[in-house]
Amino acid sequence: MSGDDFLKVASELFAPYVTGSKPPSEALFRTIVGRAYYAAFHLANEFIEELGFKTSTHGAPPEYLRASNEPIAQRAGDHLATLYEFRSRADYKLRDPRAIGDFTSFRFARDQIERASEVKSLLKQCGVEPIRSRVKTGIEVHRQSGR
């Protein structure tokens, strides 16, 4: 099981809506956003662990990626943080009018799948030298600073 598996599930759940043959389902779109987030989270967590760091919270992967001072990793961290925010709204803001609007929007659900796919792509780029070493060094510096 990997983050890729969650990304595939999010895409499969969304597929019937692409043709417009099914009306938006708020509960299903909330679930799709959750799977997109967990796809990106697990991919980022795996990448960070491969660099030799442990994470213990949902906030650590975006924090580490952003603190790396590597633009590609920072973008991945920004996307991951946004996905986390939307996943939290999906799970906990059931009566929030703004959340309801988002989670009945075809475009919003699609955008989150695309955002998770972008995290995957950015992390793949971060795994190639010399970017990989720069990301690792940036995270090490961040951790040593105690922030």
Protein backbone atom coordinates (compact mmCIF):
# COMPACT_ATOMS: atom_id res chain seq x y z
CA MET A 1 0.00 0.00 0.00
CA SER A 2 1.30 3.41 -0.90
CA GLY A 3 0.22 6.98 -1.46
CA ASP A 4 -0.14 6.13 -5.14
CA ASP A 5 -2.90 3.69 -4.24
CA PHE A 6 -4.89 6.48 -2.55
CA LEU A 7 -4.38 8.73 -5.57
CA LYS A 8 -5.72 6.01 -7.85
CA VAL A 9 -8.75 5.55 -5.61
CA ALA A 10 -9.47 9.29 -5.61
CA SER A 11 -9.28 9.30 -9.41
CA GLU A 12 -11.47 6.22 -9.73
CA LEU A 13 -14.10 7.68 -7.42
CA PHE A 14 -14.11 10.88 -9.44
CA ALA A 15 -14.19 9.26 -12.89
CA PRO A 16 -18.01 8.94 -13.19
CA TYR A 17 -18.32 12.70 -12.65
CA VAL A 18 -15.96 13.62 -15.49
CA THR A 19 -18.60 12.94 -18.12
CA GLY A 20 -21.20 14.91 -16.19
CA SER A 21 -23.51 11.92 -16.14
CA LYS A 22 -23.68 11.92 -12.33
CA PRO A 23 -24.68 14.90 -10.18
CA PRO A 24 -22.12 16.02 -7.57
CA SER A 25 -22.19 14.06 -4.33
CA GLU A 26 -21.00 16.15 -1.39
CA ALA A 27 -20.09 13.11 0.71
CA LEU A 28 -18.22 11.48 -2.13
CA PHE A 29 -16.39 14.69 -3.07
CA ARG A 30 -15.35 15.08 0.58
CA THR A 31 -14.04 11.52 0.48
CA ILE A 32 -12.17 12.19 -2.78
CA VAL A 33 -10.47 15.23 -1.24
CA GLY A 34 -9.50 13.12 1.78
CA ARG A 35 -7.97 10.41 -0.39
CA ALA A 36 -6.11 13.03 -2.45
CA TYR A 37 -4.63 14.49 0.74
CA TYR A 38 -3.59 11.11 2.13
CA ALA A 39 -2.01 10.21 -1.19
CA ALA A 40 0.16 13.32 -1.07
CA PHE A 41 0.82 12.96 2.67
CA HIS A 42 2.07 9.39 2.39
CA LEU A 43 4.19 10.16 -0.67
CA ALA A 44 5.79 13.13 1.12
CA ASN A 45 6.27 11.19 4.33
CA GLU A 46 7.94 8.35 2.44
CA PHE A 47 10.25 10.79 0.65
CA ILE A 48 11.22 12.48 3.91
CA GLU A 49 11.86 9.13 5.59
CA GLU A 50 14.04 8.07 2.64
CA LEU A 51 16.12 11.17 3.38
CA GLY A 52 16.62 9.85 6.92
CA PHE A 53 14.08 11.90 8.87
CA LYS A 54 11.16 10.74 10.95
CA THR A 55 7.87 12.60 11.06
CA SER A 56 5.27 12.23 13.76
CA THR A 57 2.54 14.69 12.82
CA HIS A 58 0.58 15.73 9.76
CA GLY A 59 2.28 19.12 9.93
CA ALA A 60 5.82 17.78 9.71
CA PRO A 61 6.03 16.86 6.00
CA PRO A 62 4.88 20.26 4.70
CA GLU A 63 7.01 22.00 7.33
CA TYR A 64 10.13 20.06 6.34
CA LEU A 65 9.54 20.53 2.62
CA ARG A 66 8.94 24.25 3.02
CA ALA A 67 11.98 24.66 5.28
CA SER A 68 14.27 22.93 2.80
CA ASN A 69 14.82 26.20 0.92
CA GLU A 70 14.55 24.22 -2.32
CA PRO A 71 11.82 25.83 -4.50
CA ILE A 72 10.49 22.54 -5.88
CA ALA A 73 10.20 21.03 -2.40
CA GLN A 74 8.67 24.23 -1.07
CA ARG A 75 5.96 24.07 -3.74
CA ALA A 76 5.27 20.44 -2.76
CA GLY A 77 5.04 21.52 0.88
CA ASP A 78 2.66 24.36 0.01
CA HIS A 79 0.41 22.01 -1.97
CA LEU A 80 0.48 19.46 0.83
CA ALA A 81 -0.47 22.10 3.41
CA THR A 82 -3.37 23.23 1.22
CA LEU A 83 -4.56 19.65 0.79
CA TYR A 84 -4.40 19.17 4.56
CA GLU A 85 -6.51 22.28 5.11
CA PHE A 86 -9.12 21.06 2.62
CA ARG A 87 -9.09 17.53 4.05
CA SER A 88 -9.70 18.96 7.52
CA ARG A 89 -12.63 21.01 6.21
CA ALA A 90 -13.96 17.93 4.44
CA ASP A 91 -13.91 15.90 7.63
CA TYR A 92 -14.83 18.48 10.27
CA LYS A 93 -16.71 21.42 8.72
CA LEU A 94 -19.84 19.58 7.72
CA ARG A 95 -22.17 22.57 8.04
CA ASP A 96 -19.83 25.36 6.98
CA PRO A 97 -21.47 27.04 3.93
CA ARG A 98 -18.10 27.63 2.26
CA ALA A 99 -17.12 23.99 2.71
CA ILE A 100 -20.47 22.81 1.41
CA GLY A 101 -19.97 24.95 -1.69
CA ASP A 102 -16.50 23.55 -2.27
CA PHE A 103 -17.53 19.96 -1.76
CA THR A 104 -20.35 20.15 -4.26
CA SER A 105 -18.06 21.59 -6.92
CA PHE A 106 -16.80 19.36 -9.71
CA ARG A 107 -13.89 21.74 -10.31
CA PHE A 108 -12.86 21.81 -6.63
CA ALA A 109 -12.75 18.01 -6.36
CA ARG A 110 -10.83 17.73 -9.63
CA ASP A 111 -8.37 20.42 -8.54
CA GLN A 112 -7.48 18.51 -5.37
CA ILE A 113 -6.73 15.33 -7.31
CA GLU A 114 -4.54 17.42 -9.62
CA ARG A 115 -2.87 19.08 -6.61
CA ALA A 116 -2.02 15.67 -5.13
CA SER A 117 -0.67 14.56 -8.52
CA GLU A 118 1.47 17.69 -8.60
CA VAL A 119 2.89 16.83 -5.16
CA LYS A 120 3.82 13.41 -6.53
CA SER A 121 5.52 14.98 -9.55
CA LEU A 122 7.39 17.56 -7.47
CA LEU A 123 8.61 14.92 -5.03
CA LYS A 124 9.84 12.83 -7.93
CA GLN A 125 11.89 15.84 -9.09
CA CYS A 126 13.17 16.28 -5.53
CA GLY A 127 14.42 12.70 -5.53
CA VAL A 128 16.98 13.42 -8.25
CA GLU A 129 20.45 14.75 -7.50
CA PRO A 130 21.53 17.43 -6.84
CA ILE A 131 18.09 18.56 -5.67
CA ARG A 132 17.78 15.59 -3.30
CA SER A 133 20.94 16.55 -1.43
CA ARG A 134 19.89 20.20 -1.21
CA VAL A 135 16.49 19.22 0.21
CA LYS A 136 18.13 16.94 2.76
CA THR A 137 20.62 19.63 3.80
CA GLY A 138 17.85 22.22 4.10
CA ILE A 139 15.81 19.93 6.34
CA GLU A 140 18.87 19.16 8.46
CA VAL A 141 19.58 22.87 8.95
CA HIS A 142 15.94 23.48 9.85
CA ARG A 143 15.90 20.67 12.41
CA GLN A 144 19.19 21.79 13.96
CA SER A 145 17.84 25.31 14.36
CA GLY A 146 15.14 23.89 16.62
CA ARG A 147 12.28 25.54 14.79
